[in-house]
Amino acid sequence: MEKTSKIYIAGHDGLVGSALVSKFTQNGYANLLTRHYTKLDLRRQQDVETFFENEKPEYVVLAAAKVGGILANNTFPAEFIYDNLAIETNIIHAAWKANVKRLIFLGSSCIYPRQCPQPMKEAHLLTGPLESTNEAYAIAKIAGIKMCQSYNRQYGTTYFALMPTNLYGPNDNFDLETSHVLPALIRKFHEAKVTSRESVTVWGTGSPRREFLHVDDLADACLHIIDLDDQVYRTLISNKMAPLINVGCGKDNSIKEMALMIKGIIGFEGEIVFDTTKPDGTPQKLLDVSLLNKLGWKQTISLEKGIADTYQWCMDNNIFA
């Protein structure tokens, strides 16, 4: 990409989108195109197509999505499947009509089967049943991958999908009702510390294993992929498999290990209680990131440093006030 290329970052004010804006700006890309959801409802097809016709972006990173943890996914499956299908369908189709050069679609590691072999390879897509608690969201993301593949096949577009592992970092959602496990635990341990509670309750048994990636690392991976040499990029697109690459660190931790880490970083001195009446979700979700590593990208932010930095950001921005 040229430094002056017009790049549309959909969902620019979310966890991923804000990191993308920061990363692209730091690397000299000054012509970034953004729209707040109050100004452009990405679920409305005509509004999206009009936006693309008027603005004519050259590149698109599709980070806009309805996201949430187990509770939110399990409680509002209709919203998760409708909103995500509408957003990705409208943007991918409008990008084709506007002759966008490259598009990066961001999905989630929950696209892989619940009992998927570990670590999960790109080839494992659609090889078994999904985790029931987030099936609606996963199906929407799988549809986005297949849409990219279908448009590439029929129209010769160069759209690619990146499947990140569990993400965290600044601008995450720290609401206990709708957040993912890591930000929820940061908030729980912080509030327990400042109120001098004796214990913190963690959902499930603590045994499920999860891989976590700092959102700044994901943003760096997105920039790395969208700016690949044309021959390398087109080789990836021409693969018979879906145009898909995993993004992670290749290492996981149990929920118990992560809870102990967060407890230590925040300085909570009480006990951790595991509520085994609550669901664990998928037993393990570890991505095989060998393909991305071969393309010259690796994680740089360790989990412990990433959590510490995220907690400091929360304190600096009065997130728990």
C-alpha atoms as a PDB file:
ATOM      1  CA  MET A   1       0.000   0.000   0.000  1.00  0.00           C
ATOM      2  CA  GLU A   2       1.023   3.602  -0.539  1.00  0.00           C
ATOM      3  CA  LYS A   3       1.158   5.785   2.561  1.00  0.00           C
ATOM      4  CA  THR A   4      -1.522   7.942   0.921  1.00  0.00           C
ATOM      5  CA  SER A   5      -3.834   4.999   0.119  1.00  0.00           C
ATOM      6  CA  LYS A   6      -7.415   5.466   1.300  1.00  0.00           C
ATOM      7  CA  ILE A   7      -8.031   2.807   3.937  1.00  0.00           C
ATOM      8  CA  TYR A   8     -11.465   2.237   5.478  1.00  0.00           C
ATOM      9  CA  ILE A   9     -11.377   0.758   8.978  1.00  0.00           C
ATOM     10  CA  ALA A  10     -14.872  -0.469   9.789  1.00  0.00           C
ATOM     11  CA  GLY A  11     -15.500  -0.473  13.535  1.00  0.00           C
ATOM     12  CA  HIS A  12     -12.729   2.006  14.255  1.00  0.00           C
ATOM     13  CA  ASP A  13     -13.815   2.830  17.811  1.00  0.00           C
ATOM     14  CA  GLY A  14     -13.956  -0.738  19.144  1.00  0.00           C
ATOM     15  CA  LEU A  15     -11.258  -2.855  20.744  1.00  0.00           C
ATOM     16  CA  VAL A  16      -9.756  -3.986  17.420  1.00  0.00           C
ATOM     17  CA  GLY A  17     -10.644  -0.954  15.338  1.00  0.00           C
ATOM     18  CA  SER A  18      -9.020   1.555  17.685  1.00  0.00           C
ATOM     19  CA  ALA A  19      -5.839  -0.528  17.741  1.00  0.00           C
ATOM     20  CA  LEU A  20      -5.865  -0.642  13.936  1.00  0.00           C
ATOM     21  CA  VAL A  21      -6.215   3.134  13.664  1.00  0.00           C
ATOM     22  CA  SER A  22      -3.320   3.587  16.073  1.00  0.00           C
ATOM     23  CA  LYS A  23      -1.085   1.032  14.320  1.00  0.00           C
ATOM     24  CA  PHE A  24      -1.742   2.315  10.796  1.00  0.00           C
ATOM     25  CA  THR A  25      -1.249   5.928  11.905  1.00  0.00           C
ATOM     26  CA  GLN A  26       2.037   5.084  13.651  1.00  0.00           C
ATOM     27  CA  ASN A  27       3.245   3.506  10.415  1.00  0.00           C
ATOM     28  CA  GLY A  28       2.569   6.599   8.346  1.00  0.00           C
ATOM     29  CA  TYR A  29      -0.824   5.829   6.799  1.00  0.00           C
ATOM     30  CA  ALA A  30      -2.508   9.208   7.029  1.00  0.00           C
ATOM     31  CA  ASN A  31      -5.547   8.708   4.778  1.00  0.00           C
ATOM     32  CA  LEU A  32      -7.702   6.615   7.095  1.00  0.00           C
ATOM     33  CA  LEU A  33     -11.448   6.563   6.587  1.00  0.00           C
ATOM     34  CA  THR A  34     -13.755   6.011   9.574  1.00  0.00           C
ATOM     35  CA  ARG A  35     -17.417   6.460  10.458  1.00  0.00           C
ATOM     36  CA  HIS A  36     -19.054   6.220  13.876  1.00  0.00           C
ATOM     37  CA  TYR A  37     -21.976   3.795  14.034  1.00  0.00           C
ATOM     38  CA  THR A  38     -24.331   6.682  14.815  1.00  0.00           C
ATOM     39  CA  LYS A  39     -23.419   8.179  11.426  1.00  0.00           C
ATOM     40  CA  LEU A  40     -23.383   4.933   9.420  1.00  0.00           C
ATOM     41  CA  ASP A  41     -25.413   1.865  10.378  1.00  0.00           C
ATOM     42  CA  LEU A  42     -23.513  -0.967   8.724  1.00  0.00           C
ATOM     43  CA  ARG A  43     -26.591  -3.196   8.942  1.00  0.00           C
ATOM     44  CA  ARG A  44     -28.371  -1.005   6.361  1.00  0.00           C
ATOM     45  CA  GLN A  45     -27.380  -2.106   2.858  1.00  0.00           C
ATOM     46  CA  GLN A  46     -28.255   1.087   0.974  1.00  0.00           C
ATOM     47  CA  ASP A  47     -26.427   3.285   3.479  1.00  0.00           C
ATOM     48  CA  VAL A  48     -23.290   1.144   3.190  1.00  0.00           C
ATOM     49  CA  GLU A  49     -23.356   1.092  -0.604  1.00  0.00           C
ATOM     50  CA  THR A  50     -23.862   4.865  -0.752  1.00  0.00           C
ATOM     51  CA  PHE A  51     -20.920   5.332   1.614  1.00  0.00           C
ATOM     52  CA  PHE A  52     -18.637   3.207  -0.583  1.00  0.00           C
ATOM     53  CA  GLU A  53     -19.813   4.957  -3.769  1.00  0.00           C
ATOM     54  CA  ASN A  54     -19.091   8.377  -2.297  1.00  0.00           C
ATOM     55  CA  GLU A  55     -15.828   7.641  -0.450  1.00  0.00           C
ATOM     56  CA  LYS A  56     -14.231   5.049  -2.793  1.00  0.00           C
ATOM     57  CA  PRO A  57     -11.818   3.393  -0.317  1.00  0.00           C
ATOM     58  CA  GLU A  58      -8.912   1.459  -1.845  1.00  0.00           C
ATOM     59  CA  TYR A  59      -8.440  -0.921   1.082  1.00  0.00           C
ATOM     60  CA  VAL A  60     -10.816  -2.167   3.781  1.00  0.00           C
ATOM     61  CA  VAL A  61     -10.250  -3.778   7.175  1.00  0.00           C
ATOM     62  CA  LEU A  62     -13.560  -5.159   8.437  1.00  0.00           C
ATOM     63  CA  ALA A  63     -13.296  -5.030  12.225  1.00  0.00           C
ATOM     64  CA  ALA A  64     -16.913  -4.040  12.887  1.00  0.00           C
ATOM     65  CA  ALA A  65     -18.910  -6.751  14.649  1.00  0.00           C
ATOM     66  CA  LYS A  66     -21.276  -7.507  17.499  1.00  0.00           C
ATOM     67  CA  VAL A  67     -19.144  -9.295  20.075  1.00  0.00           C
ATOM     68  CA  GLY A  68     -19.449 -10.591  23.628  1.00  0.00           C
ATOM     69  CA  GLY A  69     -18.634 -13.390  26.036  1.00  0.00           C
ATOM     70  CA  ILE A  70     -20.416 -16.672  26.776  1.00  0.00           C
ATOM     71  CA  LEU A  71     -23.319 -15.025  28.636  1.00  0.00           C
ATOM     72  CA  ALA A  72     -24.038 -12.466  25.907  1.00  0.00           C
ATOM     73  CA  ASN A  73     -23.708 -15.005  23.072  1.00  0.00           C
ATOM     74  CA  ASN A  74     -25.912 -17.518  24.831  1.00  0.00           C
ATOM     75  CA  THR A  75     -28.570 -14.938  25.747  1.00  0.00           C
ATOM     76  CA  PHE A  76     -28.833 -13.007  22.469  1.00  0.00           C
ATOM     77  CA  PRO A  77     -28.094 -15.486  19.632  1.00  0.00           C
ATOM     78  CA  ALA A  78     -30.528 -13.812  17.222  1.00  0.00           C
ATOM     79  CA  GLU A  79     -28.785 -10.462  17.578  1.00  0.00           C
ATOM     80  CA  PHE A  80     -25.352 -12.036  17.192  1.00  0.00           C
ATOM     81  CA  ILE A  81     -26.215 -13.855  13.973  1.00  0.00           C
ATOM     82  CA  TYR A  82     -28.304 -11.074  12.405  1.00  0.00           C
ATOM     83  CA  ASP A  83     -26.029  -8.123  13.156  1.00  0.00           C
ATOM     84  CA  ASN A  84     -22.845  -9.883  12.091  1.00  0.00           C
ATOM     85  CA  LEU A  85     -24.321 -11.353   8.900  1.00  0.00           C
ATOM     86  CA  ALA A  86     -25.755  -7.973   7.921  1.00  0.00           C
ATOM     87  CA  ILE A  87     -22.524  -6.063   8.588  1.00  0.00           C
ATOM     88  CA  GLU A  88     -20.204  -8.408   6.710  1.00  0.00           C
ATOM     89  CA  THR A  89     -22.608  -9.004   3.813  1.00  0.00           C
ATOM     90  CA  ASN A  90     -23.118  -5.300   3.210  1.00  0.00           C
ATOM     91  CA  ILE A  91     -19.457  -4.347   3.435  1.00  0.00           C
ATOM     92  CA  ILE A  92     -18.037  -7.202   1.353  1.00  0.00           C
ATOM     93  CA  HIS A  93     -20.606  -6.691  -1.403  1.00  0.00           C
ATOM     94  CA  ALA A  94     -20.151  -2.901  -1.414  1.00  0.00           C
ATOM     95  CA  ALA A  95     -16.367  -3.342  -1.512  1.00  0.00           C
ATOM     96  CA  TRP A  96     -16.701  -5.468  -4.654  1.00  0.00           C
ATOM     97  CA  LYS A  97     -18.958  -2.904  -6.325  1.00  0.00           C
ATOM     98  CA  ALA A  98     -16.485  -0.122  -5.444  1.00  0.00           C
ATOM     99  CA  ASN A  99     -13.456  -2.071  -6.789  1.00  0.00           C
ATOM    100  CA  VAL A 100     -11.655  -2.195  -3.441  1.00  0.00           C
ATOM    101  CA  LYS A 101      -8.115  -3.549  -3.992  1.00  0.00           C
ATOM    102  CA  ARG A 102      -7.808  -5.648  -0.835  1.00  0.00           C
ATOM    103  CA  LEU A 103     -10.139  -6.436   2.050  1.00  0.00           C
ATOM    104  CA  ILE A 104      -9.273  -8.057   5.374  1.00  0.00           C
ATOM    105  CA  PHE A 105     -12.173  -9.698   7.197  1.00  0.00           C
ATOM    106  CA  LEU A 106     -11.653 -10.343  10.907  1.00  0.00           C
ATOM    107  CA  GLY A 107     -13.281 -13.398  12.417  1.00  0.00           C
ATOM    108  CA  SER A 108     -12.740 -15.435  15.564  1.00  0.00           C
ATOM    109  CA  SER A 109     -11.225 -18.734  16.630  1.00  0.00           C
ATOM    110  CA  CYS A 110     -14.735 -19.907  17.611  1.00  0.00           C
ATOM    111  CA  ILE A 111     -15.269 -20.801  13.934  1.00  0.00           C
ATOM    112  CA  TYR A 112     -13.538 -24.110  14.606  1.00  0.00           C
ATOM    113  CA  PRO A 113     -15.346 -27.237  15.918  1.00  0.00           C
ATOM    114  CA  ARG A 114     -15.866 -27.629  19.664  1.00  0.00           C
ATOM    115  CA  GLN A 115     -13.827 -30.840  19.755  1.00  0.00           C
ATOM    116  CA  CYS A 116     -11.263 -29.624  17.256  1.00  0.00           C
ATOM    117  CA  PRO A 117      -7.783 -31.201  17.293  1.00  0.00           C
ATOM    118  CA  GLN A 118      -5.257 -28.950  19.031  1.00  0.00           C
ATOM    119  CA  PRO A 119      -3.676 -26.753  17.894  1.00  0.00           C
ATOM    120  CA  MET A 120      -6.412 -25.760  15.456  1.00  0.00           C
ATOM    121  CA  LYS A 121      -5.323 -25.498  11.831  1.00  0.00           C
ATOM    122  CA  GLU A 122      -7.011 -23.513   9.083  1.00  0.00           C
ATOM    123  CA  ALA A 123      -7.884 -26.828   7.410  1.00  0.00           C
ATOM    124  CA  HIS A 124     -10.076 -27.774  10.404  1.00  0.00           C
ATOM    125  CA  LEU A 125     -12.779 -25.310   9.340  1.00  0.00           C
ATOM    126  CA  LEU A 126     -16.189 -27.039   8.924  1.00  0.00           C
ATOM    127  CA  THR A 127     -14.960 -30.451  10.085  1.00  0.00           C
ATOM    128  CA  GLY A 128     -17.260 -30.846  13.104  1.00  0.00           C
ATOM    129  CA  PRO A 129     -20.022 -29.375  15.324  1.00  0.00           C
ATOM    130  CA  LEU A 130     -19.513 -25.925  16.864  1.00  0.00           C
ATOM    131  CA  GLU A 131     -19.595 -24.904  20.525  1.00  0.00           C
ATOM    132  CA  SER A 132     -23.299 -24.393  21.273  1.00  0.00           C
ATOM    133  CA  THR A 133     -22.889 -21.300  23.472  1.00  0.00           C
ATOM    134  CA  ASN A 134     -21.543 -19.167  20.621  1.00  0.00           C
ATOM    135  CA  GLU A 135     -22.799 -21.068  17.577  1.00  0.00           C
ATOM    136  CA  ALA A 136     -24.760 -18.121  16.143  1.00  0.00           C
ATOM    137  CA  TYR A 137     -21.718 -15.851  16.188  1.00  0.00           C
ATOM    138  CA  ALA A 138     -19.465 -18.575  14.776  1.00  0.00           C
ATOM    139  CA  ILE A 139     -21.824 -19.332  11.889  1.00  0.00           C
ATOM    140  CA  ALA A 140     -21.947 -15.649  10.976  1.00  0.00           C
ATOM    141  CA  LYS A 141     -18.140 -15.486  10.912  1.00  0.00           C
ATOM    142  CA  ILE A 142     -17.894 -18.676   8.839  1.00  0.00           C
ATOM    143  CA  ALA A 143     -20.331 -17.112   6.372  1.00  0.00           C
ATOM    144  CA  GLY A 144     -18.013 -14.094   6.111  1.00  0.00           C
ATOM    145  CA  ILE A 145     -15.042 -16.325   5.298  1.00  0.00           C
ATOM    146  CA  LYS A 146     -17.031 -18.168   2.657  1.00  0.00           C
ATOM    147  CA  MET A 147     -18.275 -14.905   1.226  1.00  0.00           C
ATOM    148  CA  CYS A 148     -14.691 -13.708   0.766  1.00  0.00           C
ATOM    149  CA  GLN A 149     -13.842 -17.023  -0.884  1.00  0.00           C
ATOM    150  CA  SER A 150     -16.886 -16.887  -3.163  1.00  0.00           C
ATOM    151  CA  TYR A 151     -16.245 -13.314  -4.315  1.00  0.00           C
ATOM    152  CA  ASN A 152     -12.601 -14.142  -4.978  1.00  0.00           C
ATOM    153  CA  ARG A 153     -13.664 -17.132  -7.042  1.00  0.00           C
ATOM    154  CA  GLN A 154     -16.416 -15.477  -9.054  1.00  0.00           C
ATOM    155  CA  TYR A 155     -15.241 -11.878  -9.327  1.00  0.00           C
ATOM    156  CA  GLY A 156     -11.465 -12.148  -8.973  1.00  0.00           C
ATOM    157  CA  THR A 157     -11.371 -10.032  -5.802  1.00  0.00           C
ATOM    158  CA  THR A 158      -8.523 -10.341  -3.302  1.00  0.00           C
ATOM    159  CA  TYR A 159     -10.311 -10.596   0.026  1.00  0.00           C
ATOM    160  CA  PHE A 160      -8.723 -12.339   2.988  1.00  0.00           C
ATOM    161  CA  ALA A 161      -9.873 -13.501   6.420  1.00  0.00           C
ATOM    162  CA  LEU A 162      -7.824 -13.388   9.603  1.00  0.00           C
ATOM    163  CA  MET A 163      -8.957 -15.515  12.542  1.00  0.00           C
ATOM    164  CA  PRO A 164      -7.560 -14.086  15.773  1.00  0.00           C
ATOM    165  CA  THR A 165      -7.536 -15.918  19.056  1.00  0.00           C
ATOM    166  CA  ASN A 166      -9.073 -14.343  22.191  1.00  0.00           C
ATOM    167  CA  LEU A 167      -8.177 -10.640  22.237  1.00  0.00           C
ATOM    168  CA  TYR A 168      -7.710  -8.121  25.020  1.00  0.00           C
ATOM    169  CA  GLY A 169      -6.243  -4.667  25.567  1.00  0.00           C
ATOM    170  CA  PRO A 170      -7.175  -0.960  25.775  1.00  0.00           C
ATOM    171  CA  ASN A 171     -10.771  -0.098  24.785  1.00  0.00           C
ATOM    172  CA  ASP A 172     -11.966  -3.594  25.658  1.00  0.00           C
ATOM    173  CA  ASN A 173     -15.427  -4.169  27.131  1.00  0.00           C
ATOM    174  CA  PHE A 174     -15.162  -4.474  30.926  1.00  0.00           C
ATOM    175  CA  ASP A 175     -18.898  -4.892  31.604  1.00  0.00           C
ATOM    176  CA  LEU A 176     -19.377  -8.030  33.702  1.00  0.00           C
ATOM    177  CA  GLU A 177     -22.625  -8.919  31.901  1.00  0.00           C
ATOM    178  CA  THR A 178     -21.293  -8.836  28.326  1.00  0.00           C
ATOM    179  CA  SER A 179     -17.487  -8.990  28.402  1.00  0.00           C
ATOM    180  CA  HIS A 180     -15.097 -11.818  27.624  1.00  0.00           C
ATOM    181  CA  VAL A 181     -13.328 -13.697  30.387  1.00  0.00           C
ATOM    182  CA  LEU A 182     -10.056 -11.746  30.620  1.00  0.00           C
ATOM    183  CA  PRO A 183     -11.473  -8.199  30.939  1.00  0.00           C
ATOM    184  CA  ALA A 184     -14.187  -9.542  33.246  1.00  0.00           C
ATOM    185  CA  LEU A 185     -11.554 -11.017  35.562  1.00  0.00           C
ATOM    186  CA  ILE A 186      -9.536  -7.795  35.539  1.00  0.00           C
ATOM    187  CA  ARG A 187     -12.608  -5.926  36.735  1.00  0.00           C
ATOM    188  CA  LYS A 188     -13.568  -8.583  39.287  1.00  0.00           C
ATOM    189  CA  PHE A 189     -10.143  -8.667  40.904  1.00  0.00           C
ATOM    190  CA  HIS A 190      -9.851  -4.882  40.909  1.00  0.00           C
ATOM    191  CA  GLU A 191     -13.237  -4.394  42.571  1.00  0.00           C
ATOM    192  CA  ALA A 192     -12.502  -7.159  45.070  1.00  0.00           C
ATOM    193  CA  LYS A 193      -9.225  -5.463  45.966  1.00  0.00           C
ATOM    194  CA  VAL A 194     -10.647  -1.962  46.474  1.00  0.00           C
ATOM    195  CA  THR A 195     -13.592  -3.287  48.522  1.00  0.00           C
ATOM    196  CA  SER A 196     -11.434  -5.708  50.559  1.00  0.00           C
ATOM    197  CA  ARG A 197     -13.456  -8.780  49.641  1.00  0.00           C
ATOM    198  CA  GLU A 198     -12.332 -12.190  50.831  1.00  0.00           C
ATOM    199  CA  SER A 199     -12.780 -13.984  47.488  1.00  0.00           C
ATOM    200  CA  VAL A 200     -13.392 -13.657  43.767  1.00  0.00           C
ATOM    201  CA  THR A 201     -15.714 -16.080  41.971  1.00  0.00           C
ATOM    202  CA  VAL A 202     -14.654 -17.371  38.559  1.00  0.00           C
ATOM    203  CA  TRP A 203     -17.083 -19.141  36.235  1.00  0.00           C
ATOM    204  CA  GLY A 204     -16.535 -22.846  35.563  1.00  0.00           C
ATOM    205  CA  THR A 205     -13.901 -25.265  36.754  1.00  0.00           C
ATOM    206  CA  GLY A 206     -10.867 -23.226  35.731  1.00  0.00           C
ATOM    207  CA  SER A 207      -9.621 -26.093  33.579  1.00  0.00           C
ATOM    208  CA  PRO A 208     -10.464 -24.837  30.044  1.00  0.00           C
ATOM    209  CA  ARG A 209      -7.400 -23.572  28.209  1.00  0.00           C
ATOM    210  CA  ARG A 210      -7.399 -20.320  26.276  1.00  0.00           C
ATOM    211  CA  GLU A 211      -4.932 -18.472  24.112  1.00  0.00           C
ATOM    212  CA  PHE A 212      -4.836 -14.686  24.429  1.00  0.00           C
ATOM    213  CA  LEU A 213      -3.362 -12.065  22.116  1.00  0.00           C
ATOM    214  CA  HIS A 214      -2.917  -8.375  22.809  1.00  0.00           C
ATOM    215  CA  VAL A 215      -4.961  -6.338  20.351  1.00  0.00           C
ATOM    216  CA  ASP A 216      -1.895  -4.303  19.324  1.00  0.00           C
ATOM    217  CA  ASP A 217      -0.304  -7.536  18.105  1.00  0.00           C
ATOM    218  CA  LEU A 218      -3.400  -8.297  16.031  1.00  0.00           C
ATOM    219  CA  ALA A 219      -3.296  -4.813  14.502  1.00  0.00           C
ATOM    220  CA  ASP A 220       0.336  -5.388  13.591  1.00  0.00           C
ATOM    221  CA  ALA A 221      -0.561  -8.725  11.966  1.00  0.00           C
ATOM    222  CA  CYS A 222      -3.354  -7.071   9.945  1.00  0.00           C
ATOM    223  CA  LEU A 223      -0.970  -4.462   8.609  1.00  0.00           C
ATOM    224  CA  HIS A 224       1.589  -7.164   7.826  1.00  0.00           C
ATOM    225  CA  ILE A 225      -0.923  -9.208   5.789  1.00  0.00           C
ATOM    226  CA  ILE A 226      -2.669  -6.395   3.917  1.00  0.00           C
ATOM    227  CA  ASP A 227       0.702  -4.977   2.885  1.00  0.00           C
ATOM    228  CA  LEU A 228       2.230  -8.267   1.687  1.00  0.00           C
ATOM    229  CA  ASP A 229       4.045  -8.420  -1.630  1.00  0.00           C
ATOM    230  CA  ASP A 230       1.485  -8.830  -4.413  1.00  0.00           C
ATOM    231  CA  GLN A 231       2.806 -12.202  -5.574  1.00  0.00           C
ATOM    232  CA  VAL A 232       2.771 -13.631  -2.038  1.00  0.00           C
ATOM    233  CA  TYR A 233      -0.691 -12.233  -1.347  1.00  0.00           C
ATOM    234  CA  ARG A 234      -2.182 -13.612  -4.560  1.00  0.00           C
ATOM    235  CA  THR A 235      -0.621 -17.005  -3.871  1.00  0.00           C
ATOM    236  CA  LEU A 236      -2.463 -17.109  -0.559  1.00  0.00           C
ATOM    237  CA  ILE A 237      -5.729 -16.138  -2.255  1.00  0.00           C
ATOM    238  CA  SER A 238      -5.342 -18.759  -4.986  1.00  0.00           C
ATOM    239  CA  ASN A 239      -5.058 -21.604  -2.467  1.00  0.00           C
ATOM    240  CA  LYS A 240      -7.900 -24.111  -2.827  1.00  0.00           C
ATOM    241  CA  MET A 241      -8.641 -23.716   0.879  1.00  0.00           C
ATOM    242  CA  ALA A 242     -10.637 -20.769   2.192  1.00  0.00           C
ATOM    243  CA  PRO A 243      -8.583 -17.514   2.211  1.00  0.00           C
ATOM    244  CA  LEU A 244      -7.906 -17.823   5.926  1.00  0.00           C
ATOM    245  CA  ILE A 245      -4.987 -17.357   8.329  1.00  0.00           C
ATOM    246  CA  ASN A 246      -4.933 -17.843  12.110  1.00  0.00           C
ATOM    247  CA  VAL A 247      -3.528 -15.049  14.270  1.00  0.00           C
ATOM    248  CA  GLY A 248      -2.290 -15.919  17.750  1.00  0.00           C
ATOM    249  CA  CYS A 249       0.756 -16.600  19.864  1.00  0.00           C
ATOM    250  CA  GLY A 250       0.705 -20.416  19.727  1.00  0.00           C
ATOM    251  CA  LYS A 251       0.567 -20.801  23.526  1.00  0.00           C
ATOM    252  CA  ASP A 252      -2.377 -21.182  25.891  1.00  0.00           C
ATOM    253  CA  ASN A 253      -3.094 -21.042  29.635  1.00  0.00           C
ATOM    254  CA  SER A 254      -5.817 -22.535  31.771  1.00  0.00           C
ATOM    255  CA  ILE A 255      -8.432 -20.138  33.125  1.00  0.00           C
ATOM    256  CA  LYS A 256      -7.085 -20.930  36.592  1.00  0.00           C
ATOM    257  CA  GLU A 257      -3.536 -19.991  35.582  1.00  0.00           C
ATOM    258  CA  MET A 258      -4.767 -16.767  34.020  1.00  0.00           C
ATOM    259  CA  ALA A 259      -6.859 -15.898  37.090  1.00  0.00           C
ATOM    260  CA  LEU A 260      -3.819 -16.376  39.322  1.00  0.00           C
ATOM    261  CA  MET A 261      -1.774 -14.163  37.000  1.00  0.00           C
ATOM    262  CA  ILE A 262      -4.374 -11.377  37.079  1.00  0.00           C
ATOM    263  CA  LYS A 263      -4.721 -11.730  40.848  1.00  0.00           C
ATOM    264  CA  GLY A 264      -0.973 -11.178  41.229  1.00  0.00           C
ATOM    265  CA  ILE A 265      -0.794  -8.238  38.805  1.00  0.00           C
ATOM    266  CA  ILE A 266      -3.659  -6.414  40.519  1.00  0.00           C
ATOM    267  CA  GLY A 267      -2.514  -7.304  44.016  1.00  0.00           C
ATOM    268  CA  PHE A 268      -5.637  -9.016  45.325  1.00  0.00           C
ATOM    269  CA  GLU A 269      -4.841 -11.048  48.445  1.00  0.00           C
ATOM    270  CA  GLY A 270      -8.048 -13.061  48.858  1.00  0.00           C
ATOM    271  CA  GLU A 271      -9.071 -16.459  47.511  1.00  0.00           C
ATOM    272  CA  ILE A 272     -10.306 -17.608  44.107  1.00  0.00           C
ATOM    273  CA  VAL A 273     -13.550 -19.642  44.101  1.00  0.00           C
ATOM    274  CA  PHE A 274     -14.594 -21.585  40.996  1.00  0.00           C
ATOM    275  CA  ASP A 275     -18.358 -21.788  40.386  1.00  0.00           C
ATOM    276  CA  THR A 276     -18.700 -25.200  38.730  1.00  0.00           C
ATOM    277  CA  THR A 277     -22.423 -24.651  38.099  1.00  0.00           C
ATOM    278  CA  LYS A 278     -21.475 -22.202  35.339  1.00  0.00           C
ATOM    279  CA  PRO A 279     -20.462 -23.370  31.819  1.00  0.00           C
ATOM    280  CA  ASP A 280     -16.832 -23.883  30.863  1.00  0.00           C
ATOM    281  CA  GLY A 281     -17.341 -23.463  27.130  1.00  0.00           C
ATOM    282  CA  THR A 282     -14.942 -25.129  24.710  1.00  0.00           C
ATOM    283  CA  PRO A 283     -12.333 -27.255  26.580  1.00  0.00           C
ATOM    284  CA  GLN A 284      -9.382 -25.820  24.644  1.00  0.00           C
ATOM    285  CA  LYS A 285      -8.867 -23.250  21.902  1.00  0.00           C
ATOM    286  CA  LEU A 286      -5.267 -23.068  20.711  1.00  0.00           C
ATOM    287  CA  LEU A 287      -4.477 -21.878  17.206  1.00  0.00           C
ATOM    288  CA  ASP A 288      -1.833 -23.277  14.913  1.00  0.00           C
ATOM    289  CA  VAL A 289      -0.055 -20.099  13.771  1.00  0.00           C
ATOM    290  CA  SER A 290       2.673 -21.744  11.700  1.00  0.00           C
ATOM    291  CA  LEU A 291       1.353 -20.300   8.425  1.00  0.00           C
ATOM    292  CA  LEU A 292       1.452 -16.731   9.742  1.00  0.00           C
ATOM    293  CA  ASN A 293       4.914 -17.307  11.234  1.00  0.00           C
ATOM    294  CA  LYS A 294       6.152 -18.492   7.825  1.00  0.00           C
ATOM    295  CA  LEU A 295       4.944 -15.191   6.385  1.00  0.00           C
ATOM    296  CA  GLY A 296       7.293 -13.362   8.751  1.00  0.00           C
ATOM    297  CA  TRP A 297       5.043 -12.379  11.661  1.00  0.00           C
ATOM    298  CA  LYS A 298       5.193 -13.345  15.357  1.00  0.00           C
ATOM    299  CA  GLN A 299       3.637 -12.097  18.589  1.00  0.00           C
ATOM    300  CA  THR A 300       5.734  -9.578  20.544  1.00  0.00           C
ATOM    301  CA  ILE A 301       3.645  -8.725  23.659  1.00  0.00           C
ATOM    302  CA  SER A 302       3.710 -11.339  26.438  1.00  0.00           C
ATOM    303  CA  LEU A 303       0.480 -12.140  28.292  1.00  0.00           C
ATOM    304  CA  GLU A 304       1.760 -10.906  31.655  1.00  0.00           C
ATOM    305  CA  LYS A 305       2.999  -7.585  30.243  1.00  0.00           C
ATOM    306  CA  GLY A 306      -0.150  -7.195  28.163  1.00  0.00           C
ATOM    307  CA  ILE A 307      -2.437  -7.682  31.167  1.00  0.00           C
ATOM    308  CA  ALA A 308      -0.362  -5.309  33.297  1.00  0.00           C
ATOM    309  CA  ASP A 309      -0.465  -2.642  30.575  1.00  0.00           C
ATOM    310  CA  THR A 310      -4.204  -3.124  30.100  1.00  0.00           C
ATOM    311  CA  TYR A 311      -4.868  -2.768  33.826  1.00  0.00           C
ATOM    312  CA  GLN A 312      -2.756   0.393  33.917  1.00  0.00           C
ATOM    313  CA  TRP A 313      -4.755   1.771  30.983  1.00  0.00           C
ATOM    314  CA  CYS A 314      -7.962   1.067  32.912  1.00  0.00           C
ATOM    315  CA  MET A 315      -6.641   2.956  35.930  1.00  0.00           C
ATOM    316  CA  ASP A 316      -5.397   5.871  33.831  1.00  0.00           C
ATOM    317  CA  ASN A 317      -8.791   6.171  32.131  1.00  0.00           C
ATOM    318  CA  ASN A 318     -10.980   5.603  35.221  1.00  0.00           C
ATOM    319  CA  ILE A 319     -12.691   2.619  33.612  1.00  0.00           C
ATOM    320  CA  PHE A 320     -13.900   1.263  36.940  1.00  0.00           C
ATOM    321  CA  ALA A 321     -15.049   4.587  38.381  1.00  0.00           C
END
